Amino acid sequence: MALTLWPTASQAGPADYRFEAVAPVVERGVGVPIKIQVWSRAGAVLVGGVDMGEARVDRSPEGQLGGALPAFFTPSLEYGTYNFRADLPTDGIWALKFIARIPGEAQPITGSVTFKVVGRIVANKPPGRRP
């Protein structure tokens, strides 16, 4: 009896990778930058070389279906970090949804990252005298 081993492509699933927002709170506006990172759950390491496509933002985390706006991928020099720009006209909880094609994986993965949009981010200032 002969045993033949054929190479098989791995089958990635959403459970194999973790997508997270670098900044969970962003300021409302036009062309707002959104940074995400892709993590491998197996090794808890950042994943580079991911091809991102079909990106959009919507208010689905707050139960508002429909009305998705396009999000545009922009290049990043940071390994495992992926940049997008999108118009975020209202405050609330938003979701960035995309298709991720991860090197070495046979099938693309549908990814989603949630983040909060606020009218204005107030920086913490050290106490001091006012002019």
N, C-alpha and C. Protein backbone atom coordinates (compact mmCIF):
# COMPACT_ATOMS: atom_id res chain seq x y z
N MET A 1 0.85 -1.16 0.00
CA MET A 1 0.00 0.00 0.00
C MET A 1 0.90 1.23 0.00
N ALA A 2 0.67 2.12 -0.92
CA ALA A 2 1.47 3.33 -1.03
C ALA A 2 0.68 4.51 -0.48
N LEU A 3 1.39 5.39 0.17
CA LEU A 3 0.77 6.59 0.71
C LEU A 3 1.34 7.79 -0.04
N THR A 4 0.48 8.55 -0.65
CA THR A 4 0.91 9.72 -1.39
C THR A 4 0.43 10.97 -0.66
N LEU A 5 1.35 11.88 -0.44
CA LEU A 5 0.99 13.13 0.21
C LEU A 5 0.94 14.23 -0.83
N TRP A 6 -0.18 14.87 -0.94
CA TRP A 6 -0.35 15.99 -1.87
C TRP A 6 -0.36 17.28 -1.08
N PRO A 7 0.35 18.28 -1.56
CA PRO A 7 0.29 19.55 -0.84
C PRO A 7 -1.11 20.14 -0.96
N THR A 8 -1.57 20.68 0.14
CA THR A 8 -2.89 21.31 0.12
C THR A 8 -2.77 22.75 0.59
N ALA A 9 -3.61 23.59 0.06
CA ALA A 9 -3.65 24.98 0.50
C ALA A 9 -4.36 25.05 1.84
N SER A 10 -3.85 25.90 2.70
CA SER A 10 -4.51 26.03 4.00
C SER A 10 -5.83 26.77 3.82
N GLN A 11 -6.73 26.48 4.69
CA GLN A 11 -8.05 27.12 4.65
C GLN A 11 -8.14 28.10 5.81
N ALA A 12 -7.95 29.37 5.49
CA ALA A 12 -8.01 30.40 6.52
C ALA A 12 -9.45 30.75 6.82
N GLY A 13 -9.67 31.14 8.01
CA GLY A 13 -10.98 31.61 8.40
C GLY A 13 -10.83 32.82 9.29
N PRO A 14 -11.93 33.49 9.54
CA PRO A 14 -11.87 34.67 10.40
C PRO A 14 -11.29 34.35 11.78
N ALA A 15 -11.43 33.12 12.25
CA ALA A 15 -10.91 32.75 13.56
C ALA A 15 -9.39 32.65 13.58
N ASP A 16 -8.75 32.55 12.40
CA ASP A 16 -7.30 32.42 12.32
C ASP A 16 -6.57 33.76 12.40
N TYR A 17 -7.29 34.85 12.18
CA TYR A 17 -6.68 36.18 12.15
C TYR A 17 -7.53 37.15 12.96
N ARG A 18 -6.86 38.15 13.50
CA ARG A 18 -7.54 39.18 14.28
C ARG A 18 -7.26 40.53 13.62
N PHE A 19 -8.30 41.31 13.41
CA PHE A 19 -8.19 42.64 12.83
C PHE A 19 -8.54 43.64 13.92
N GLU A 20 -7.68 44.64 14.13
CA GLU A 20 -8.00 45.63 15.15
C GLU A 20 -7.59 47.03 14.73
N ALA A 21 -8.34 48.00 15.23
CA ALA A 21 -8.06 49.41 14.94
C ALA A 21 -6.86 49.85 15.77
N VAL A 22 -5.93 50.58 15.15
CA VAL A 22 -4.79 51.12 15.88
C VAL A 22 -5.28 52.22 16.83
N ALA A 23 -6.18 53.07 16.32
CA ALA A 23 -6.81 54.11 17.15
C ALA A 23 -8.31 53.81 17.20
N PRO A 24 -8.84 53.39 18.34
CA PRO A 24 -10.26 53.03 18.41
C PRO A 24 -11.21 54.23 18.36
N VAL A 25 -10.65 55.46 18.46
CA VAL A 25 -11.46 56.68 18.37
C VAL A 25 -10.84 57.58 17.31
N VAL A 26 -11.66 58.03 16.36
CA VAL A 26 -11.20 58.96 15.32
C VAL A 26 -12.13 60.16 15.27
N GLU A 27 -11.62 61.24 14.69
CA GLU A 27 -12.41 62.46 14.60
C GLU A 27 -13.23 62.48 13.32
N ARG A 28 -14.47 62.93 13.44
CA ARG A 28 -15.39 63.02 12.31
C ARG A 28 -14.81 63.97 11.26
N GLY A 29 -15.09 63.66 9.96
CA GLY A 29 -14.64 64.55 8.90
C GLY A 29 -14.59 63.87 7.55
N VAL A 30 -13.92 64.54 6.61
CA VAL A 30 -13.76 64.06 5.25
C VAL A 30 -12.35 63.50 5.09
N GLY A 31 -12.24 62.32 4.49
CA GLY A 31 -10.93 61.70 4.28
C GLY A 31 -10.21 61.35 5.57
N VAL A 32 -10.96 60.88 6.54
CA VAL A 32 -10.41 60.55 7.86
C VAL A 32 -9.51 59.31 7.75
N PRO A 33 -8.28 59.39 8.27
CA PRO A 33 -7.40 58.21 8.24
C PRO A 33 -7.83 57.18 9.28
N ILE A 34 -7.85 55.92 8.85
CA ILE A 34 -8.17 54.79 9.73
C ILE A 34 -7.04 53.78 9.55
N LYS A 35 -6.40 53.41 10.65
CA LYS A 35 -5.30 52.43 10.61
C LYS A 35 -5.77 51.15 11.29
N ILE A 36 -5.48 50.03 10.63
CA ILE A 36 -5.79 48.74 11.25
C ILE A 36 -4.54 47.86 11.22
N GLN A 37 -4.53 46.86 12.08
CA GLN A 37 -3.46 45.87 12.09
C GLN A 37 -4.08 44.49 11.93
N VAL A 38 -3.31 43.61 11.28
CA VAL A 38 -3.73 42.22 11.09
C VAL A 38 -2.80 41.35 11.91
N TRP A 39 -3.39 40.55 12.79
CA TRP A 39 -2.64 39.67 13.68
C TRP A 39 -2.97 38.21 13.38
N SER A 40 -1.95 37.37 13.39
CA SER A 40 -2.14 35.93 13.30
C SER A 40 -2.40 35.41 14.70
N ARG A 41 -3.49 34.67 14.86
CA ARG A 41 -3.79 34.12 16.19
C ARG A 41 -2.84 32.98 16.54
N ALA A 42 -2.34 32.27 15.53
CA ALA A 42 -1.47 31.13 15.80
C ALA A 42 -0.17 31.56 16.46
N GLY A 43 0.44 32.60 15.96
CA GLY A 43 1.71 33.04 16.52
C GLY A 43 1.64 34.37 17.22
N ALA A 44 0.47 34.99 17.26
CA ALA A 44 0.28 36.31 17.86
C ALA A 44 1.29 37.31 17.29
N VAL A 45 1.46 37.28 15.97
CA VAL A 45 2.39 38.19 15.30
C VAL A 45 1.63 38.97 14.23
N LEU A 46 2.16 40.14 13.89
CA LEU A 46 1.58 40.94 12.82
C LEU A 46 1.77 40.23 11.48
N VAL A 47 0.81 40.41 10.58
CA VAL A 47 0.87 39.78 9.27
C VAL A 47 1.07 40.86 8.22
N GLY A 48 2.11 40.71 7.42
CA GLY A 48 2.41 41.67 6.36
C GLY A 48 1.99 41.15 5.00
N GLY A 49 1.97 42.04 4.02
CA GLY A 49 1.68 41.66 2.64
C GLY A 49 0.24 41.33 2.34
N VAL A 50 -0.68 41.75 3.20
CA VAL A 50 -2.10 41.48 3.00
C VAL A 50 -2.64 42.43 1.93
N ASP A 51 -3.38 41.88 0.98
CA ASP A 51 -4.01 42.68 -0.07
C ASP A 51 -5.43 43.00 0.38
N MET A 52 -5.71 44.28 0.58
CA MET A 52 -7.02 44.72 1.05
C MET A 52 -7.86 45.20 -0.12
N GLY A 53 -9.13 44.84 -0.12
CA GLY A 53 -10.02 45.28 -1.18
C GLY A 53 -11.45 45.39 -0.72
N GLU A 54 -12.27 45.97 -1.56
CA GLU A 54 -13.72 46.11 -1.33
C GLU A 54 -14.03 46.71 0.03
N ALA A 55 -13.32 47.78 0.39
CA ALA A 55 -13.48 48.39 1.70
C ALA A 55 -14.64 49.39 1.72
N ARG A 56 -15.34 49.41 2.84
CA ARG A 56 -16.44 50.35 3.03
C ARG A 56 -16.64 50.57 4.53
N VAL A 57 -17.27 51.69 4.87
CA VAL A 57 -17.61 51.98 6.26
C VAL A 57 -19.12 52.12 6.37
N ASP A 58 -19.66 51.70 7.51
CA ASP A 58 -21.09 51.84 7.73
C ASP A 58 -21.38 51.92 9.22
N ARG A 59 -22.64 52.15 9.55
CA ARG A 59 -23.07 52.29 10.94
C ARG A 59 -23.75 51.02 11.44
N SER A 60 -23.44 49.88 10.85
CA SER A 60 -24.09 48.62 11.24
C SER A 60 -23.92 48.26 12.72
N PRO A 61 -22.83 48.63 13.40
CA PRO A 61 -22.76 48.29 14.83
C PRO A 61 -23.86 48.95 15.66
N GLU A 62 -24.44 50.02 15.14
CA GLU A 62 -25.53 50.68 15.86
C GLU A 62 -26.89 50.33 15.26
N GLY A 63 -26.92 49.28 14.43
CA GLY A 63 -28.18 48.80 13.89
C GLY A 63 -28.68 49.53 12.66
N GLN A 64 -27.87 50.42 12.10
CA GLN A 64 -28.28 51.15 10.90
C GLN A 64 -27.79 50.38 9.68
N LEU A 65 -28.70 49.73 9.01
CA LEU A 65 -28.34 48.94 7.84
C LEU A 65 -28.41 49.81 6.59
N GLY A 66 -27.60 49.49 5.61
CA GLY A 66 -27.56 50.27 4.38
C GLY A 66 -26.76 51.54 4.58
N GLY A 67 -26.60 52.29 3.52
CA GLY A 67 -25.90 53.55 3.60
C GLY A 67 -24.40 53.44 3.78
N ALA A 68 -23.80 52.39 3.25
CA ALA A 68 -22.35 52.23 3.36
C ALA A 68 -21.65 53.27 2.48
N LEU A 69 -20.51 53.75 2.97
CA LEU A 69 -19.69 54.70 2.22
C LEU A 69 -18.39 54.01 1.85
N PRO A 70 -17.79 54.37 0.71
CA PRO A 70 -16.53 53.72 0.32
C PRO A 70 -15.38 54.13 1.24
N ALA A 71 -14.44 53.21 1.41
CA ALA A 71 -13.19 53.49 2.12
C ALA A 71 -12.07 53.15 1.14
N PHE A 72 -11.03 53.94 1.16
CA PHE A 72 -9.96 53.78 0.19
C PHE A 72 -8.66 53.39 0.88
N PHE A 73 -8.02 52.35 0.36
CA PHE A 73 -6.75 51.86 0.89
C PHE A 73 -5.65 52.86 0.53
N THR A 74 -4.79 53.18 1.49
CA THR A 74 -3.62 54.01 1.23
C THR A 74 -2.39 53.27 1.74
N PRO A 75 -1.27 53.41 1.06
CA PRO A 75 -0.06 52.66 1.43
C PRO A 75 0.45 52.98 2.84
N SER A 76 1.11 52.00 3.42
CA SER A 76 1.70 52.16 4.75
C SER A 76 3.12 51.60 4.72
N LEU A 77 4.00 52.23 5.47
CA LEU A 77 5.37 51.74 5.60
C LEU A 77 5.55 50.90 6.86
N GLU A 78 4.50 50.78 7.66
CA GLU A 78 4.56 50.00 8.89
C GLU A 78 4.13 48.56 8.63
N TYR A 79 4.98 47.62 8.99
CA TYR A 79 4.70 46.21 8.77
C TYR A 79 3.44 45.79 9.53
N GLY A 80 2.51 45.14 8.83
CA GLY A 80 1.30 44.63 9.45
C GLY A 80 0.24 45.68 9.72
N THR A 81 0.50 46.93 9.32
CA THR A 81 -0.45 48.02 9.51
C THR A 81 -0.97 48.47 8.15
N TYR A 82 -2.27 48.66 8.05
CA TYR A 82 -2.92 49.00 6.78
C TYR A 82 -3.75 50.25 6.97
N ASN A 83 -3.59 51.19 6.07
CA ASN A 83 -4.25 52.49 6.17
C ASN A 83 -5.41 52.60 5.20
N PHE A 84 -6.45 53.26 5.65
CA PHE A 84 -7.61 53.56 4.82
C PHE A 84 -7.97 55.02 5.06
N ARG A 85 -8.74 55.58 4.14
CA ARG A 85 -9.33 56.91 4.29
C ARG A 85 -10.80 56.78 3.95
N ALA A 86 -11.63 57.45 4.74
CA ALA A 86 -13.07 57.39 4.50
C ALA A 86 -13.72 58.67 5.02
N ASP A 87 -14.84 59.01 4.43
CA ASP A 87 -15.64 60.12 4.93
C ASP A 87 -16.51 59.60 6.06
N LEU A 88 -16.43 60.25 7.21
CA LEU A 88 -17.20 59.87 8.40
C LEU A 88 -17.98 61.09 8.85
N PRO A 89 -19.19 61.27 8.33
CA PRO A 89 -19.93 62.51 8.55
C PRO A 89 -20.65 62.64 9.89
N THR A 90 -20.83 61.56 10.62
CA THR A 90 -21.58 61.63 11.88
C THR A 90 -20.88 60.88 13.00
N ASP A 91 -21.16 61.32 14.21
CA ASP A 91 -20.61 60.65 15.39
C ASP A 91 -21.29 59.30 15.58
N GLY A 92 -20.61 58.41 16.29
CA GLY A 92 -21.19 57.11 16.61
C GLY A 92 -20.19 55.99 16.43
N ILE A 93 -20.70 54.78 16.49
CA ILE A 93 -19.88 53.59 16.30
C ILE A 93 -19.98 53.17 14.84
N TRP A 94 -18.86 53.05 14.19
CA TRP A 94 -18.78 52.71 12.78
C TRP A 94 -18.03 51.39 12.62
N ALA A 95 -18.20 50.76 11.47
CA ALA A 95 -17.45 49.54 11.13
C ALA A 95 -16.75 49.75 9.79
N LEU A 96 -15.49 49.37 9.73
CA LEU A 96 -14.76 49.30 8.47
C LEU A 96 -14.79 47.84 8.07
N LYS A 97 -15.36 47.56 6.90
CA LYS A 97 -15.46 46.18 6.41
C LYS A 97 -14.65 46.06 5.13
N PHE A 98 -14.00 44.91 4.95
CA PHE A 98 -13.11 44.74 3.81
C PHE A 98 -12.90 43.25 3.53
N ILE A 99 -12.29 42.99 2.38
CA ILE A 99 -11.87 41.65 2.01
C ILE A 99 -10.34 41.62 2.12
N ALA A 100 -9.80 40.68 2.89
CA ALA A 100 -8.35 40.55 3.08
C ALA A 100 -7.86 39.28 2.39
N ARG A 101 -6.90 39.45 1.50
CA ARG A 101 -6.25 38.31 0.86
C ARG A 101 -4.87 38.16 1.50
N ILE A 102 -4.76 37.14 2.33
CA ILE A 102 -3.56 36.94 3.13
C ILE A 102 -2.61 36.00 2.41
N PRO A 103 -1.33 36.38 2.29
CA PRO A 103 -0.37 35.52 1.60
C PRO A 103 -0.34 34.11 2.19
N GLY A 104 -0.38 33.12 1.31
CA GLY A 104 -0.33 31.73 1.73
C GLY A 104 -1.69 31.12 2.02
N GLU A 105 -2.73 31.91 2.00
CA GLU A 105 -4.08 31.41 2.25
C GLU A 105 -4.84 31.29 0.94
N ALA A 106 -5.58 30.22 0.78
CA ALA A 106 -6.27 29.94 -0.47
C ALA A 106 -7.47 30.85 -0.69
N GLN A 107 -8.18 31.18 0.36
CA GLN A 107 -9.42 31.96 0.24
C GLN A 107 -9.28 33.31 0.92
N PRO A 108 -9.91 34.34 0.35
CA PRO A 108 -9.92 35.64 1.03
C PRO A 108 -10.80 35.58 2.28
N ILE A 109 -10.54 36.48 3.19
CA ILE A 109 -11.26 36.56 4.46
C ILE A 109 -12.01 37.89 4.52
N THR A 110 -13.24 37.83 4.97
CA THR A 110 -13.99 39.06 5.20
C THR A 110 -13.63 39.57 6.58
N GLY A 111 -13.11 40.80 6.64
CA GLY A 111 -12.70 41.39 7.91
C GLY A 111 -13.57 42.57 8.27
N SER A 112 -13.59 42.88 9.55
CA SER A 112 -14.35 44.02 10.05
C SER A 112 -13.68 44.55 11.30
N VAL A 113 -13.63 45.88 11.40
CA VAL A 113 -13.06 46.55 12.57
C VAL A 113 -14.04 47.64 12.98
N THR A 114 -14.35 47.72 14.26
CA THR A 114 -15.23 48.79 14.73
C THR A 114 -14.42 49.86 15.41
N PHE A 115 -14.91 51.09 15.33
CA PHE A 115 -14.25 52.22 15.95
C PHE A 115 -15.29 53.30 16.23
N LYS A 116 -14.94 54.22 17.09
CA LYS A 116 -15.86 55.29 17.48
C LYS A 116 -15.46 56.57 16.76
N VAL A 117 -16.46 57.29 16.26
CA VAL A 117 -16.25 58.58 15.61
C VAL A 117 -16.82 59.65 16.53
N VAL A 118 -16.00 60.66 16.80
CA VAL A 118 -16.43 61.76 17.67
C VAL A 118 -16.24 63.08 16.94
N GLY A 119 -16.95 64.11 17.40
CA GLY A 119 -16.88 65.41 16.76
C GLY A 119 -15.53 66.07 16.88
N ARG A 120 -14.89 65.90 18.02
CA ARG A 120 -13.59 66.52 18.20
C ARG A 120 -12.84 65.76 19.29
N ILE A 121 -11.60 65.42 19.00
CA ILE A 121 -10.77 64.73 19.98
C ILE A 121 -10.05 65.81 20.79
N VAL A 122 -10.22 65.75 22.09
CA VAL A 122 -9.59 66.72 22.98
C VAL A 122 -8.33 66.09 23.56
N ALA A 123 -7.21 66.74 23.31
CA ALA A 123 -5.94 66.24 23.84
C ALA A 123 -5.84 66.59 25.32
N ASN A 124 -5.29 65.67 26.09
CA ASN A 124 -5.07 65.94 27.50
C ASN A 124 -3.91 66.93 27.63
N LYS A 125 -4.19 68.08 28.22
CA LYS A 125 -3.15 69.09 28.40
C LYS A 125 -2.70 69.05 29.85
N PRO A 126 -1.40 69.21 30.07
CA PRO A 126 -0.92 69.24 31.45
C PRO A 126 -1.45 70.51 32.13
N PRO A 127 -1.70 70.39 33.42
CA PRO A 127 -2.18 71.58 34.13
C PRO A 127 -1.13 72.68 34.10
N GLY A 128 -1.59 73.85 33.96
CA GLY A 128 -0.66 75.00 33.91
C GLY A 128 -1.43 76.28 33.91
N ARG A 129 -0.69 77.35 33.74
CA ARG A 129 -1.33 78.66 33.74
C ARG A 129 -1.92 78.96 32.38
N ARG A 130 -3.03 79.65 32.43
CA ARG A 130 -3.65 80.09 31.19
C ARG A 130 -3.13 81.48 30.84
N PRO A 131 -3.03 81.76 29.55
CA PRO A 131 -2.58 83.10 29.16
C PRO A 131 -3.61 84.16 29.44
